Amino acid sequence: MATVDSAPDAPAFGWWRTPRGAALDVVLALVVTVLPVATWLLAVRVAPLLPAVATAQPAIAAQTVSFASAFAHLAGSAFDLTLVARRRFPVAVALVVVAAEAFGHSTLLGLTIALYTLAAYGTSRAVLAGIGLLAVVAGLKPWTWADIPSTAELFVVLGFTGVMVLVAVVLPVVLGLYLNARRGLMASLRERAKRLEREQTLLARQVRTEERTRIAREMHDVVAHRVSLMVVHAGALEMKPDREPETVAEAASKIADIGRQALGELRQAVGVLKVDNADDSAPLAPQPTLDDLAELVEQSRSAGVPVDYRVEGRRRLANVAERTAYRIVQEGLTNVHKHAFGARTEISLRFLPDRLEVSVRNDAPRRSTGIDLPSGGHGLAGLKERLTLVGGEFESGPSRNGGFRIAARIPIAVPAG
């Protein structure tokens, strides 16, 4: 039985948890020590008032009022002062009190307190059982039985002493074990509550982090591609301000259309974020699928990017997989707008029995457009996260001809969750 102590690691008052515990132990030790001395003093006062007892038992009366008897009471009671350290050294205190009881220098009250403390704060059940057995022997004092003149008186003494030992040894041990077990249970419950609180805090933090990441990814997907197209069209007008009015008006109309599309998608994303999780009645715009890739490719072509788009195989994908494939192509074209505008770009979708292979490859840029589009690397990181969620694979990097390549493998059967 390991010691169970729910106190903090650093005691607040010596080896006690609180000053109140220290005061209790000191007062308890003093009371147990002074009690037999007070009993003796009471006997000294009362003995002269009982002449019949003094006449009938002159030896006992004389022993009661003698100096030797007084010293024996005081010296014997001093062993109970060790109860002050009962919480810090429960085994040592119990052994001292048991030894004092064996030689008549302790009280049953002191023995009771020492055994209760040993059971409540002790080390193991083997030690408790051993000291408890010694306490029973010390209480019965079998070495004094030979002085009892008759068998009848021996049985009476044994019966009376046995009841006292039961009260002084068994009951405090049982009570101490119960309180020790209860203290252990409460400590376990507190630790479990703290652990659950820590886990909930970590879970909430993880959920917030994942939600921020998801929001950032969605915002990037919604805004980056549309804005890059707008910048490309506006940059083209800036580079050739002397174009025909019809050409300028057509480019401005495209910029306006792309801007409206970006605002609509952004408004939809913000609206979803504002809706309570418990309310599922919020209107949701249709999510992009592979059917929208043709329009996406055409917008890049109209901006001046030569795009070769081809599809192989029979289309069969879940909605989330199609949305992921759309975002991969979208991010590939966005990177072309930013870093290789005007370079020949190849987009390939190849449906296999168990997966879809998506590839966006562009040649090295032939010339600088003079259009500065910032890039933070969030798009590729977002694609990796998307592919991880659907159980796919993603790779990107420069190609042999100086261009750039994005490739992904999306499983036909998207894993749940």
Protein backbone atom coordinates (compact mmCIF):
# COMPACT_ATOMS: atom_id res chain seq x y z
CA MET A 1 0.00 0.00 0.00
CA ALA A 2 1.84 3.03 -1.23
CA THR A 3 1.56 6.27 0.65
CA VAL A 4 -1.02 8.58 -0.85
CA ASP A 5 -0.61 12.26 -0.24
CA SER A 6 -2.50 14.85 -2.21
CA ALA A 7 -0.53 17.70 -0.72
CA PRO A 8 1.59 19.96 -2.90
CA ASP A 9 5.18 18.97 -3.55
CA ALA A 10 6.55 21.78 -1.38
CA PRO A 11 5.15 21.71 2.20
CA ALA A 12 3.84 25.01 3.41
CA PHE A 13 4.88 24.64 7.07
CA GLY A 14 7.77 22.33 7.89
CA TRP A 15 6.73 18.78 7.04
CA TRP A 16 3.07 19.71 7.50
CA ARG A 17 0.88 20.84 4.65
CA THR A 18 -0.63 23.70 6.64
CA PRO A 19 0.00 25.52 9.93
CA ARG A 20 -3.31 24.12 11.13
CA GLY A 21 -1.98 20.58 10.75
CA ALA A 22 1.16 21.50 12.68
CA ALA A 23 -0.87 23.00 15.53
CA LEU A 24 -3.12 19.94 15.63
CA ASP A 25 -0.18 17.53 15.95
CA VAL A 26 1.52 19.60 18.64
CA VAL A 27 -1.66 19.95 20.69
CA LEU A 28 -2.48 16.27 20.23
CA ALA A 29 0.98 15.18 21.42
CA LEU A 30 0.78 17.45 24.44
CA VAL A 31 -2.68 16.24 25.37
CA VAL A 32 -1.70 12.57 25.12
CA THR A 33 1.46 13.26 27.14
CA VAL A 34 -0.20 15.33 29.86
CA LEU A 35 -3.30 13.14 30.22
CA PRO A 36 -1.70 10.35 32.35
CA VAL A 37 0.12 12.95 34.45
CA ALA A 38 -3.15 14.76 35.07
CA THR A 39 -4.76 11.45 36.00
CA TRP A 40 -1.98 10.81 38.51
CA LEU A 41 -2.36 14.30 40.01
CA LEU A 42 -6.08 13.71 40.36
CA ALA A 43 -5.33 10.46 42.17
CA VAL A 44 -2.99 12.29 44.53
CA ARG A 45 -5.77 14.75 45.38
CA VAL A 46 -8.48 12.15 45.74
CA ALA A 47 -6.52 9.48 47.66
CA PRO A 48 -6.55 11.31 51.03
CA LEU A 49 -10.31 11.68 50.73
CA LEU A 50 -10.73 7.90 50.50
CA PRO A 51 -9.43 6.55 53.84
CA ALA A 52 -11.18 3.23 53.39
CA VAL A 53 -9.26 2.58 50.21
CA ALA A 54 -6.02 3.73 51.80
CA THR A 55 -6.60 1.44 54.83
CA ALA A 56 -7.61 -1.52 52.76
CA GLN A 57 -4.85 -1.12 50.16
CA PRO A 58 -2.03 0.75 51.93
CA ALA A 59 0.62 -0.42 49.48
CA ILE A 60 -1.27 0.86 46.44
CA ALA A 61 -2.02 4.17 48.11
CA ALA A 62 1.58 4.62 49.07
CA GLN A 63 2.78 3.82 45.57
CA THR A 64 0.29 6.25 44.05
CA VAL A 65 1.56 9.22 46.03
CA SER A 66 5.26 8.38 45.86
CA PHE A 67 7.82 10.43 43.98
CA ALA A 68 8.94 7.37 42.04
CA SER A 69 5.44 6.87 40.73
CA ALA A 70 5.25 10.50 39.67
CA PHE A 71 8.56 10.25 37.84
CA ALA A 72 7.45 7.02 36.14
CA HIS A 73 4.32 8.70 34.83
CA LEU A 74 6.21 11.71 33.55
CA ALA A 75 9.00 9.67 31.97
CA GLY A 76 6.59 7.22 30.38
CA SER A 77 4.40 9.95 28.97
CA ALA A 78 7.39 11.59 27.32
CA PHE A 79 7.38 8.84 24.67
CA ASP A 80 4.04 10.15 23.42
CA LEU A 81 5.68 13.45 22.48
CA THR A 82 6.98 11.68 19.39
CA LEU A 83 3.44 12.00 18.00
CA VAL A 84 4.47 15.49 16.89
CA ALA A 85 6.39 13.83 14.03
CA ARG A 86 3.73 11.22 13.24
CA ARG A 87 3.02 12.54 9.72
CA ARG A 88 6.68 12.83 8.75
CA PHE A 89 7.95 9.56 10.32
CA PRO A 90 4.86 7.36 10.82
CA VAL A 91 6.80 4.08 11.01
CA ALA A 92 9.40 5.32 13.51
CA VAL A 93 6.77 6.97 15.71
CA ALA A 94 4.64 3.81 15.70
CA LEU A 95 7.62 1.65 16.72
CA VAL A 96 8.53 4.03 19.57
CA VAL A 97 4.97 4.13 20.90
CA VAL A 98 4.56 0.34 20.61
CA ALA A 99 7.82 -0.21 22.49
CA ALA A 100 6.75 2.27 25.18
CA GLU A 101 3.40 0.48 25.49
CA ALA A 102 5.18 -2.85 25.92
CA PHE A 103 7.04 -1.52 28.95
CA GLY A 104 4.09 0.42 30.34
CA HIS A 105 5.37 3.85 29.37
CA SER A 106 2.65 4.85 26.93
CA THR A 107 -1.12 5.08 26.80
CA LEU A 108 -3.63 3.26 24.63
CA LEU A 109 -4.67 6.64 23.27
CA GLY A 110 -1.13 7.30 22.04
CA LEU A 111 -1.00 3.79 20.56
CA THR A 112 -4.32 4.37 18.81
CA ILE A 113 -3.16 7.64 17.24
CA ALA A 114 0.18 6.17 16.16
CA LEU A 115 -1.44 3.15 14.47
CA TYR A 116 -4.07 5.29 12.76
CA THR A 117 -1.34 7.56 11.38
CA LEU A 118 0.67 4.55 10.21
CA ALA A 119 -2.34 3.19 8.32
CA ALA A 120 -3.25 6.58 6.86
CA TYR A 121 0.25 7.78 5.93
CA GLY A 122 2.37 4.60 6.12
CA THR A 123 4.41 2.77 3.50
CA SER A 124 3.21 -0.78 2.89
CA ARG A 125 0.71 -3.27 4.21
CA ALA A 126 3.51 -5.64 5.25
CA VAL A 127 4.98 -2.98 7.55
CA LEU A 128 1.52 -2.12 8.85
CA ALA A 129 0.74 -5.78 9.56
CA GLY A 130 4.06 -6.30 11.34
CA ILE A 131 3.74 -3.25 13.56
CA GLY A 132 0.08 -4.07 14.21
CA LEU A 133 1.06 -7.54 15.43
CA LEU A 134 3.71 -6.02 17.70
CA ALA A 135 1.09 -3.62 19.04
CA VAL A 136 -1.24 -6.53 19.88
CA VAL A 137 1.57 -8.31 21.74
CA ALA A 138 2.54 -5.07 23.51
CA GLY A 139 -1.06 -4.51 24.56
CA LEU A 140 -1.66 -8.06 25.82
CA LYS A 141 1.75 -8.27 27.58
CA PRO A 142 1.89 -12.06 27.74
CA TRP A 143 5.04 -11.95 29.87
CA THR A 144 2.91 -10.63 32.76
CA TRP A 145 0.40 -13.49 32.71
CA ALA A 146 2.48 -15.60 35.05
CA ASP A 147 1.85 -13.11 37.86
CA ILE A 148 -1.92 -13.65 37.70
CA PRO A 149 -2.82 -15.98 40.56
CA SER A 150 -5.78 -17.87 39.07
CA THR A 151 -7.06 -19.03 35.73
CA ALA A 152 -10.36 -17.22 36.20
CA GLU A 153 -8.62 -13.94 36.77
CA LEU A 154 -6.42 -14.64 33.72
CA PHE A 155 -9.49 -15.04 31.52
CA VAL A 156 -10.96 -11.84 32.91
CA VAL A 157 -7.75 -9.94 32.25
CA LEU A 158 -7.43 -11.43 28.78
CA GLY A 159 -11.04 -10.56 27.94
CA PHE A 160 -10.74 -6.99 29.16
CA THR A 161 -7.32 -6.51 27.56
CA GLY A 162 -8.50 -8.09 24.31
CA VAL A 163 -11.37 -5.62 24.01
CA MET A 164 -9.03 -2.73 24.72
CA VAL A 165 -6.54 -4.00 22.15
CA LEU A 166 -9.37 -4.37 19.61
CA VAL A 167 -10.38 -0.78 20.20
CA ALA A 168 -6.82 0.56 20.29
CA VAL A 169 -5.34 -1.45 17.39
CA VAL A 170 -7.90 -2.83 14.94
CA LEU A 171 -10.31 0.09 14.73
CA PRO A 172 -7.69 2.82 14.11
CA VAL A 173 -5.97 0.65 11.51
CA VAL A 174 -9.24 0.07 9.63
CA LEU A 175 -10.13 3.76 9.85
CA GLY A 176 -6.67 4.79 8.65
CA LEU A 177 -6.82 2.40 5.69
CA TYR A 178 -10.22 3.75 4.73
CA LEU A 179 -9.09 7.37 4.86
CA ASN A 180 -5.92 6.50 2.96
CA ALA A 181 -7.97 4.84 0.22
CA ARG A 182 -10.38 7.77 0.14
CA ARG A 183 -7.50 10.23 -0.07
CA GLY A 184 -6.04 8.20 -2.92
CA LEU A 185 -9.36 8.20 -4.74
CA MET A 186 -9.76 11.95 -4.34
CA ALA A 187 -6.19 12.55 -5.53
CA SER A 188 -6.84 10.31 -8.54
CA LEU A 189 -10.04 12.19 -9.36
CA ARG A 190 -8.29 15.54 -9.05
CA GLU A 191 -5.46 14.36 -11.28
CA ARG A 192 -7.95 13.03 -13.80
CA ALA A 193 -9.83 16.32 -13.77
CA LYS A 194 -6.59 18.24 -14.30
CA ARG A 195 -5.58 15.89 -17.10
CA LEU A 196 -8.97 16.27 -18.79
CA GLU A 197 -8.70 20.04 -18.46
CA ARG A 198 -5.24 19.98 -20.03
CA GLU A 199 -6.46 17.72 -22.82
CA GLN A 200 -9.45 19.97 -23.45
CA THR A 201 -7.18 23.00 -23.57
CA LEU A 202 -4.84 21.29 -26.01
CA LEU A 203 -7.77 20.06 -28.09
CA ALA A 204 -9.32 23.53 -28.21
CA ARG A 205 -5.97 24.99 -29.19
CA GLN A 206 -5.56 22.37 -31.90
CA VAL A 207 -9.08 23.02 -33.20
CA ARG A 208 -8.43 26.75 -33.30
CA THR A 209 -5.15 26.20 -35.13
CA GLU A 210 -6.76 23.88 -37.66
CA GLU A 211 -9.65 26.30 -38.14
CA ARG A 212 -7.27 29.23 -38.71
CA THR A 213 -5.34 27.10 -41.19
CA ARG A 214 -8.54 26.13 -43.00
CA ILE A 215 -9.74 29.73 -43.14
CA ALA A 216 -6.38 30.91 -44.44
CA ARG A 217 -6.38 28.16 -47.07
CA GLU A 218 -9.91 28.99 -48.23
CA MET A 219 -9.19 32.71 -48.34
CA HIS A 220 -6.06 32.07 -50.35
CA ASP A 221 -7.87 29.84 -52.81
CA VAL A 222 -10.72 32.31 -53.19
CA VAL A 223 -8.66 35.48 -53.54
CA ALA A 224 -5.22 34.61 -54.93
CA HIS A 225 -6.22 33.30 -58.33
CA ARG A 226 -8.80 35.99 -59.10
CA VAL A 227 -6.58 38.81 -57.91
CA SER A 228 -3.61 37.49 -59.88
CA LEU A 229 -5.74 37.52 -63.05
CA MET A 230 -6.84 41.08 -62.32
CA VAL A 231 -3.24 42.18 -61.81
CA VAL A 232 -2.17 40.48 -65.04
CA HIS A 233 -4.91 42.19 -67.07
CA ALA A 234 -4.22 45.54 -65.41
CA GLY A 235 -0.48 45.12 -65.97
CA ALA A 236 -1.06 44.44 -69.64
CA LEU A 237 -3.01 47.68 -69.95
CA GLU A 238 -0.30 49.55 -68.09
CA MET A 239 2.43 48.24 -70.40
CA LYS A 240 0.53 49.30 -73.56
CA PRO A 241 -1.59 52.32 -72.69
CA ASP A 242 -2.04 53.22 -76.38
CA ARG A 243 -4.21 50.23 -77.21
CA GLU A 244 -7.44 50.54 -79.09
CA PRO A 245 -10.37 51.74 -76.97
CA GLU A 246 -12.25 48.55 -77.71
CA THR A 247 -9.33 46.44 -76.44
CA VAL A 248 -9.06 48.58 -73.31
CA ALA A 249 -12.78 48.33 -72.68
CA GLU A 250 -12.69 44.56 -73.15
CA ALA A 251 -9.79 44.22 -70.70
CA ALA A 252 -11.54 46.46 -68.19
CA SER A 253 -14.70 44.38 -68.52
CA LYS A 254 -12.71 41.22 -67.84
CA ILE A 255 -11.11 42.82 -64.78
CA ALA A 256 -14.54 43.86 -63.52
CA ASP A 257 -15.99 40.38 -64.09
CA ILE A 258 -13.07 38.71 -62.31
CA GLY A 259 -13.35 41.22 -59.45
CA ARG A 260 -17.05 40.52 -59.06
CA GLN A 261 -16.37 36.81 -59.01
CA ALA A 262 -13.70 37.28 -56.35
CA LEU A 263 -16.00 39.45 -54.24
CA GLY A 264 -18.82 36.92 -54.55
CA GLU A 265 -16.61 34.02 -53.46
CA LEU A 266 -15.08 36.08 -50.66
CA ARG A 267 -18.53 37.19 -49.46
CA GLN A 268 -19.67 33.57 -49.46
CA ALA A 269 -16.64 32.44 -47.44
CA VAL A 270 -17.08 35.22 -44.89
CA GLY A 271 -20.79 34.44 -44.63
CA VAL A 272 -20.06 30.81 -43.82
CA LEU A 273 -17.63 31.86 -41.10
CA LYS A 274 -20.27 34.10 -39.50
CA VAL A 275 -22.91 31.37 -39.35
CA ASP A 276 -23.38 29.53 -36.06
CA ASN A 277 -22.21 25.93 -36.19
CA ALA A 278 -25.59 24.78 -34.95
CA ASP A 279 -27.36 26.49 -37.84
CA ASP A 280 -27.17 24.43 -41.00
CA SER A 281 -29.61 26.60 -42.93
CA ALA A 282 -27.01 29.03 -44.28
CA PRO A 283 -27.05 29.18 -48.10
CA LEU A 284 -23.91 27.65 -49.56
CA ALA A 285 -22.65 28.44 -53.03
CA PRO A 286 -21.87 25.48 -55.28
CA GLN A 287 -18.30 24.31 -54.70
CA PRO A 288 -16.02 24.14 -57.76
CA THR A 289 -15.69 20.79 -59.51
CA LEU A 290 -13.96 19.49 -62.60
CA ASP A 291 -16.77 20.99 -64.71
CA ASP A 292 -15.44 24.45 -63.82
CA LEU A 293 -11.92 23.76 -65.05
CA ALA A 294 -12.76 24.75 -68.64
CA GLU A 295 -13.77 28.26 -67.52
CA LEU A 296 -10.70 28.48 -65.30
CA VAL A 297 -8.41 27.56 -68.20
CA GLU A 298 -10.18 29.97 -70.55
CA GLN A 299 -9.66 32.88 -68.15
CA SER A 300 -5.91 32.21 -68.11
CA ARG A 301 -5.84 31.97 -71.90
CA SER A 302 -7.63 35.27 -72.22
CA ALA A 303 -5.01 36.81 -69.93
CA GLY A 304 -2.26 35.74 -72.33
CA VAL A 305 -1.15 32.36 -70.98
CA PRO A 306 -1.04 29.57 -73.60
CA VAL A 307 -2.64 26.59 -71.84
CA ASP A 308 -2.91 23.05 -73.17
CA TYR A 309 -5.65 21.21 -71.25
CA ARG A 310 -6.39 17.51 -71.71
CA VAL A 311 -8.29 14.80 -69.85
CA GLU A 312 -7.72 11.05 -70.16
CA GLY A 313 -9.93 8.28 -68.85
CA ARG A 314 -13.45 8.08 -67.45
CA ARG A 315 -14.37 10.59 -64.77
CA ARG A 316 -15.42 9.09 -61.41
CA LEU A 317 -14.52 11.04 -58.28
CA ALA A 318 -16.16 12.08 -55.05
CA ASN A 319 -17.07 15.74 -54.67
CA VAL A 320 -14.28 16.49 -52.21
CA ALA A 321 -11.74 14.87 -54.54
CA GLU A 322 -12.99 16.91 -57.49
CA ARG A 323 -12.75 20.08 -55.43
CA THR A 324 -9.19 19.17 -54.50
CA ALA A 325 -8.28 18.56 -58.16
CA TYR A 326 -9.80 21.93 -59.08
CA ARG A 327 -7.74 23.72 -56.41
CA ILE A 328 -4.55 22.04 -57.64
CA VAL A 329 -5.08 23.30 -61.19
CA GLN A 330 -6.11 26.70 -59.87
CA GLU A 331 -2.96 27.05 -57.76
CA GLY A 332 -0.80 25.88 -60.68
CA LEU A 333 -2.22 28.56 -62.95
CA THR A 334 -1.87 31.16 -60.20
CA ASN A 335 1.83 30.35 -59.90
CA VAL A 336 2.18 30.66 -63.67
CA HIS A 337 0.60 34.14 -63.52
CA LYS A 338 2.98 35.17 -60.75
CA HIS A 339 6.28 33.64 -61.84
CA ALA A 340 6.09 32.54 -65.49
CA PHE A 341 3.49 34.66 -67.23
CA GLY A 342 3.30 33.87 -70.90
CA ALA A 343 5.05 30.52 -70.59
CA ARG A 344 3.45 27.53 -72.27
CA THR A 345 1.49 25.53 -69.68
CA GLU A 346 0.24 21.96 -69.81
CA ILE A 347 -2.60 20.72 -67.62
CA SER A 348 -3.22 16.99 -67.55
CA LEU A 349 -5.92 14.96 -65.77
CA ARG A 350 -5.49 11.22 -66.06
CA PHE A 351 -8.13 8.93 -64.58
CA LEU A 352 -6.78 5.52 -63.54
CA PRO A 353 -8.71 2.63 -61.94
CA ASP A 354 -7.74 3.63 -58.40
CA ARG A 355 -6.67 7.27 -58.61
CA LEU A 356 -6.62 10.53 -60.50
CA GLU A 357 -3.27 11.98 -61.53
CA VAL A 358 -3.21 15.77 -61.89
CA SER A 359 -0.27 17.58 -63.44
CA VAL A 360 0.33 21.28 -64.09
CA ARG A 361 3.59 21.91 -65.92
CA ASN A 362 4.91 25.17 -67.37
CA ASP A 363 7.98 26.05 -69.39
CA ALA A 364 10.57 28.55 -68.31
CA PRO A 365 9.37 32.16 -68.60
CA ARG A 366 10.53 33.70 -71.89
CA ARG A 367 10.52 37.30 -70.80
CA SER A 368 9.82 39.45 -67.78
CA THR A 369 6.41 41.05 -67.70
CA GLY A 370 7.38 43.73 -65.22
CA ILE A 371 4.41 42.74 -63.07
CA ASP A 372 5.39 42.15 -59.47
CA LEU A 373 3.10 39.63 -57.76
CA PRO A 374 4.03 38.73 -54.16
CA SER A 375 4.19 35.10 -53.11
CA GLY A 376 4.36 33.68 -49.59
CA GLY A 377 4.39 29.97 -50.39
CA HIS A 378 1.01 29.44 -48.71
CA GLY A 379 -0.61 27.99 -51.82
CA LEU A 380 1.65 24.94 -52.14
CA ALA A 381 1.48 24.32 -48.39
CA GLY A 382 -2.30 24.44 -48.61
CA LEU A 383 -2.26 21.92 -51.45
CA LYS A 384 -0.20 19.52 -49.38
CA GLU A 385 -2.73 19.80 -46.57
CA ARG A 386 -5.62 19.19 -48.95
CA LEU A 387 -3.96 16.10 -50.42
CA THR A 388 -3.24 14.79 -46.92
CA LEU A 389 -6.90 15.13 -45.98
CA VAL A 390 -8.04 13.04 -48.95
CA GLY A 391 -5.24 10.49 -48.58
CA GLY A 392 -3.39 11.60 -51.72
CA GLU A 393 0.19 12.43 -52.63
CA PHE A 394 1.64 15.76 -53.70
CA GLU A 395 4.93 16.87 -55.18
CA SER A 396 6.23 20.07 -56.72
CA GLY A 397 9.49 21.45 -57.97
CA PRO A 398 11.43 22.78 -60.93
CA SER A 399 11.40 20.80 -64.15
CA ARG A 400 14.35 19.98 -66.41
CA ASN A 401 13.57 22.72 -68.94
CA GLY A 402 13.72 25.45 -66.31
CA GLY A 403 9.99 25.57 -65.68
CA PHE A 404 7.95 24.32 -62.76
CA ARG A 405 5.78 21.26 -62.19
CA ILE A 406 2.97 20.43 -59.76
CA ALA A 407 1.77 16.83 -59.59
CA ALA A 408 -0.78 15.11 -57.38
CA ARG A 409 -2.32 11.68 -57.03
CA ILE A 410 -5.84 11.63 -55.64
CA PRO A 411 -7.47 8.31 -54.67
CA ILE A 412 -10.81 7.51 -56.25
CA ALA A 413 -12.19 6.42 -52.87
CA VAL A 414 -11.60 9.29 -50.44
CA PRO A 415 -11.10 8.07 -46.82
CA ALA A 416 -13.82 9.03 -44.37
CA GLY A 417 -13.10 11.79 -41.85
